[in-house]
Amino acid sequence: MATSPEYIEFVCDSVRTAFSGGVRYKKMFGEYMIYVVVPVPKPRKPKK
């Protein structure tokens, strides 16, 4: 059963509320691939 565009939008909206990063999707091989971009914190400098 193929995923509808409405359902993939619902899933992406749900993921957006859980993560502070960006969410996008792309149709591939007859279904969708969801990309979640989560910001990586900068490394802290060690204290001397």
PDB file of N, CA and C in Angstrom:
ATOM      1  N   MET A   1       0.842  -1.178   0.000  1.00  0.00           N
ATOM      2  CA  MET A   1       0.000   0.000   0.000  1.00  0.00           C
ATOM      3  C   MET A   1       0.884   1.237   0.000  1.00  0.00           C
ATOM      4  N   ALA A   2       0.658   2.128  -0.921  1.00  0.00           N
ATOM      5  CA  ALA A   2       1.469   3.339  -1.052  1.00  0.00           C
ATOM      6  C   ALA A   2       1.067   4.374   0.005  1.00  0.00           C
ATOM      7  N   THR A   3       2.033   5.169   0.365  1.00  0.00           N
ATOM      8  CA  THR A   3       1.800   6.238   1.336  1.00  0.00           C
ATOM      9  C   THR A   3       1.231   7.455   0.616  1.00  0.00           C
ATOM     10  N   SER A   4       0.204   8.052   1.187  1.00  0.00           N
ATOM     11  CA  SER A   4      -0.397   9.238   0.570  1.00  0.00           C
ATOM     12  C   SER A   4       0.405  10.479   0.945  1.00  0.00           C
ATOM     13  N   PRO A   5       0.381  11.512   0.100  1.00  0.00           N
ATOM     14  CA  PRO A   5       1.083  12.762   0.430  1.00  0.00           C
ATOM     15  C   PRO A   5       0.561  13.397   1.725  1.00  0.00           C
ATOM     16  N   GLU A   6      -0.722  13.230   2.002  1.00  0.00           N
ATOM     17  CA  GLU A   6      -1.294  13.790   3.229  1.00  0.00           C
ATOM     18  C   GLU A   6      -0.703  13.110   4.463  1.00  0.00           C
ATOM     19  N   TYR A   7      -0.510  11.801   4.369  1.00  0.00           N
ATOM     20  CA  TYR A   7       0.043  11.064   5.511  1.00  0.00           C
ATOM     21  C   TYR A   7       1.506  11.428   5.749  1.00  0.00           C
ATOM     22  N   ILE A   8       2.278  11.562   4.685  1.00  0.00           N
ATOM     23  CA  ILE A   8       3.692  11.917   4.856  1.00  0.00           C
ATOM     24  C   ILE A   8       3.821  13.327   5.428  1.00  0.00           C
ATOM     25  N   GLU A   9       2.921  14.233   5.068  1.00  0.00           N
ATOM     26  CA  GLU A   9       2.917  15.578   5.672  1.00  0.00           C
ATOM     27  C   GLU A   9       2.591  15.493   7.161  1.00  0.00           C
ATOM     28  N   PHE A  10       1.645  14.631   7.526  1.00  0.00           N
ATOM     29  CA  PHE A  10       1.291  14.439   8.932  1.00  0.00           C
ATOM     30  C   PHE A  10       2.493  13.918   9.720  1.00  0.00           C
ATOM     31  N   VAL A  11       3.195  12.934   9.155  1.00  0.00           N
ATOM     32  CA  VAL A  11       4.366  12.365   9.834  1.00  0.00           C
ATOM     33  C   VAL A  11       5.451  13.432   9.981  1.00  0.00           C
ATOM     34  N   CYS A  12       5.712  14.185   8.923  1.00  0.00           N
ATOM     35  CA  CYS A  12       6.744  15.227   8.980  1.00  0.00           C
ATOM     36  C   CYS A  12       6.380  16.310   9.992  1.00  0.00           C
ATOM     37  N   ASP A  13       5.127  16.694  10.053  1.00  0.00           N
ATOM     38  CA  ASP A  13       4.706  17.686  11.048  1.00  0.00           C
ATOM     39  C   ASP A  13       4.898  17.157  12.461  1.00  0.00           C
ATOM     40  N   SER A  14       4.624  15.874  12.677  1.00  0.00           N
ATOM     41  CA  SER A  14       4.811  15.271  13.995  1.00  0.00           C
ATOM     42  C   SER A  14       6.284  15.240  14.385  1.00  0.00           C
ATOM     43  N   VAL A  15       7.145  14.919  13.424  1.00  0.00           N
ATOM     44  CA  VAL A  15       8.578  14.878  13.692  1.00  0.00           C
ATOM     45  C   VAL A  15       9.111  16.288  13.947  1.00  0.00           C
ATOM     46  N   ARG A  16       8.599  17.275  13.229  1.00  0.00           N
ATOM     47  CA  ARG A  16       9.035  18.671  13.423  1.00  0.00           C
ATOM     48  C   ARG A  16       8.768  19.138  14.856  1.00  0.00           C
ATOM     49  N   THR A  17       7.678  18.696  15.454  1.00  0.00           N
ATOM     50  CA  THR A  17       7.378  19.121  16.821  1.00  0.00           C
ATOM     51  C   THR A  17       8.301  18.443  17.830  1.00  0.00           C
ATOM     52  N   ALA A  18       8.862  17.282  17.480  1.00  0.00           N
ATOM     53  CA  ALA A  18       9.731  16.550  18.403  1.00  0.00           C
ATOM     54  C   ALA A  18      11.193  16.995  18.307  1.00  0.00           C
ATOM     55  N   PHE A  19      11.617  17.482  17.159  1.00  0.00           N
ATOM     56  CA  PHE A  19      13.004  17.888  16.947  1.00  0.00           C
ATOM     57  C   PHE A  19      13.064  19.360  16.599  1.00  0.00           C
ATOM     58  N   SER A  20      14.161  19.998  16.974  1.00  0.00           N
ATOM     59  CA  SER A  20      14.311  21.421  16.670  1.00  0.00           C
ATOM     60  C   SER A  20      14.919  21.645  15.288  1.00  0.00           C
ATOM     61  N   GLY A  21      15.338  20.578  14.621  1.00  0.00           N
ATOM     62  CA  GLY A  21      15.942  20.705  13.300  1.00  0.00           C
ATOM     63  C   GLY A  21      14.905  20.705  12.194  1.00  0.00           C
ATOM     64  N   GLY A  22      15.379  20.663  10.980  1.00  0.00           N
ATOM     65  CA  GLY A  22      14.485  20.656   9.837  1.00  0.00           C
ATOM     66  C   GLY A  22      14.098  19.240   9.429  1.00  0.00           C
ATOM     67  N   VAL A  23      12.962  19.140   8.782  1.00  0.00           N
ATOM     68  CA  VAL A  23      12.470  17.865   8.281  1.00  0.00           C
ATOM     69  C   VAL A  23      12.039  18.078   6.841  1.00  0.00           C
ATOM     70  N   ARG A  24      12.484  17.168   5.981  1.00  0.00           N
ATOM     71  CA  ARG A  24      12.038  17.218   4.595  1.00  0.00           C
ATOM     72  C   ARG A  24      11.859  15.794   4.098  1.00  0.00           C
ATOM     73  N   TYR A  25      11.196  15.663   2.978  1.00  0.00           N
ATOM     74  CA  TYR A  25      10.966  14.330   2.442  1.00  0.00           C
ATOM     75  C   TYR A  25      11.133  14.350   0.933  1.00  0.00           C
ATOM     76  N   LYS A  26      11.360  13.174   0.390  1.00  0.00           N
ATOM     77  CA  LYS A  26      11.551  13.015  -1.041  1.00  0.00           C
ATOM     78  C   LYS A  26      10.955  11.670  -1.445  1.00  0.00           C
ATOM     79  N   LYS A  27      10.266  11.656  -2.569  1.00  0.00           N
ATOM     80  CA  LYS A  27       9.696  10.404  -3.055  1.00  0.00           C
ATOM     81  C   LYS A  27      10.788   9.615  -3.767  1.00  0.00           C
ATOM     82  N   MET A  28      10.994   8.376  -3.299  1.00  0.00           N
ATOM     83  CA  MET A  28      12.024   7.516  -3.866  1.00  0.00           C
ATOM     84  C   MET A  28      11.492   6.089  -3.959  1.00  0.00           C
ATOM     85  N   PHE A  29      11.708   5.440  -5.064  1.00  0.00           N
ATOM     86  CA  PHE A  29      11.356   4.026  -5.250  1.00  0.00           C
ATOM     87  C   PHE A  29       9.888   3.750  -4.946  1.00  0.00           C
ATOM     88  N   GLY A  30       9.016   4.694  -5.249  1.00  0.00           N
ATOM     89  CA  GLY A  30       7.590   4.500  -5.030  1.00  0.00           C
ATOM     90  C   GLY A  30       7.110   4.831  -3.630  1.00  0.00           C
ATOM     91  N   GLU A  31       8.006   5.134  -2.720  1.00  0.00           N
ATOM     92  CA  GLU A  31       7.657   5.535  -1.355  1.00  0.00           C
ATOM     93  C   GLU A  31       8.423   6.798  -0.989  1.00  0.00           C
ATOM     94  N   TYR A  32       8.364   7.193   0.264  1.00  0.00           N
ATOM     95  CA  TYR A  32       8.990   8.432   0.695  1.00  0.00           C
ATOM     96  C   TYR A  32      10.168   8.163   1.615  1.00  0.00           C
ATOM     97  N   MET A  33      11.162   9.025   1.510  1.00  0.00           N
ATOM     98  CA  MET A  33      12.311   9.022   2.416  1.00  0.00           C
ATOM     99  C   MET A  33      12.240  10.312   3.219  1.00  0.00           C
ATOM    100  N   ILE A  34      12.305  10.195   4.536  1.00  0.00           N
ATOM    101  CA  ILE A  34      12.243  11.375   5.404  1.00  0.00           C
ATOM    102  C   ILE A  34      13.648  11.700   5.885  1.00  0.00           C
ATOM    103  N   TYR A  35      14.027  12.963   5.721  1.00  0.00           N
ATOM    104  CA  TYR A  35      15.319  13.454   6.182  1.00  0.00           C
ATOM    105  C   TYR A  35      15.085  14.343   7.397  1.00  0.00           C
ATOM    106  N   VAL A  36      15.746  14.020   8.488  1.00  0.00           N
ATOM    107  CA  VAL A  36      15.648  14.827   9.704  1.00  0.00           C
ATOM    108  C   VAL A  36      17.019  15.445   9.940  1.00  0.00           C
ATOM    109  N   VAL A  37      17.072  16.778   9.938  1.00  0.00           N
ATOM    110  CA  VAL A  37      18.323  17.499  10.147  1.00  0.00           C
ATOM    111  C   VAL A  37      18.335  17.998  11.588  1.00  0.00           C
ATOM    112  N   VAL A  38      19.196  17.405  12.390  1.00  0.00           N
ATOM    113  CA  VAL A  38      19.304  17.776  13.799  1.00  0.00           C
ATOM    114  C   VAL A  38      20.598  18.569  13.972  1.00  0.00           C
ATOM    115  N   PRO A  39      20.522  19.765  14.530  1.00  0.00           N
ATOM    116  CA  PRO A  39      21.741  20.549  14.715  1.00  0.00           C
ATOM    117  C   PRO A  39      22.707  19.863  15.682  1.00  0.00           C
ATOM    118  N   VAL A  40      23.966  19.879  15.321  1.00  0.00           N
ATOM    119  CA  VAL A  40      25.010  19.284  16.158  1.00  0.00           C
ATOM    120  C   VAL A  40      25.642  20.404  16.971  1.00  0.00           C
ATOM    121  N   PRO A  41      25.686  20.266  18.294  1.00  0.00           N
ATOM    122  CA  PRO A  41      26.288  21.329  19.096  1.00  0.00           C
ATOM    123  C   PRO A  41      27.779  21.443  18.840  1.00  0.00           C
ATOM    124  N   LYS A  42      28.280  22.668  18.955  1.00  0.00           N
ATOM    125  CA  LYS A  42      29.710  22.905  18.769  1.00  0.00           C
ATOM    126  C   LYS A  42      30.457  22.316  19.962  1.00  0.00           C
ATOM    127  N   PRO A  43      31.643  21.743  19.711  1.00  0.00           N
ATOM    128  CA  PRO A  43      32.393  21.186  20.835  1.00  0.00           C
ATOM    129  C   PRO A  43      32.899  22.305  21.753  1.00  0.00           C
ATOM    130  N   ARG A  44      32.892  22.000  23.026  1.00  0.00           N
ATOM    131  CA  ARG A  44      33.350  22.983  24.013  1.00  0.00           C
ATOM    132  C   ARG A  44      34.867  22.902  24.137  1.00  0.00           C
ATOM    133  N   LYS A  45      35.463  24.050  24.361  1.00  0.00           N
ATOM    134  CA  LYS A  45      36.904  24.074  24.589  1.00  0.00           C
ATOM    135  C   LYS A  45      37.178  23.599  26.002  1.00  0.00           C
ATOM    136  N   PRO A  46      38.196  22.758  26.173  1.00  0.00           N
ATOM    137  CA  PRO A  46      38.507  22.281  27.526  1.00  0.00           C
ATOM    138  C   PRO A  46      38.992  23.421  28.424  1.00  0.00           C
ATOM    139  N   LYS A  47      38.621  23.336  29.674  1.00  0.00           N
ATOM    140  CA  LYS A  47      39.050  24.352  30.650  1.00  0.00           C
ATOM    141  C   LYS A  47      40.510  24.102  31.014  1.00  0.00           C
ATOM    142  N   LYS A  48      41.242  25.173  31.168  1.00  0.00           N
ATOM    143  CA  LYS A  48      42.652  25.054  31.540  1.00  0.00           C
ATOM    144  C   LYS A  48      42.848  25.266  33.006  1.00  0.00           C
TER     145      LYS A  48
END
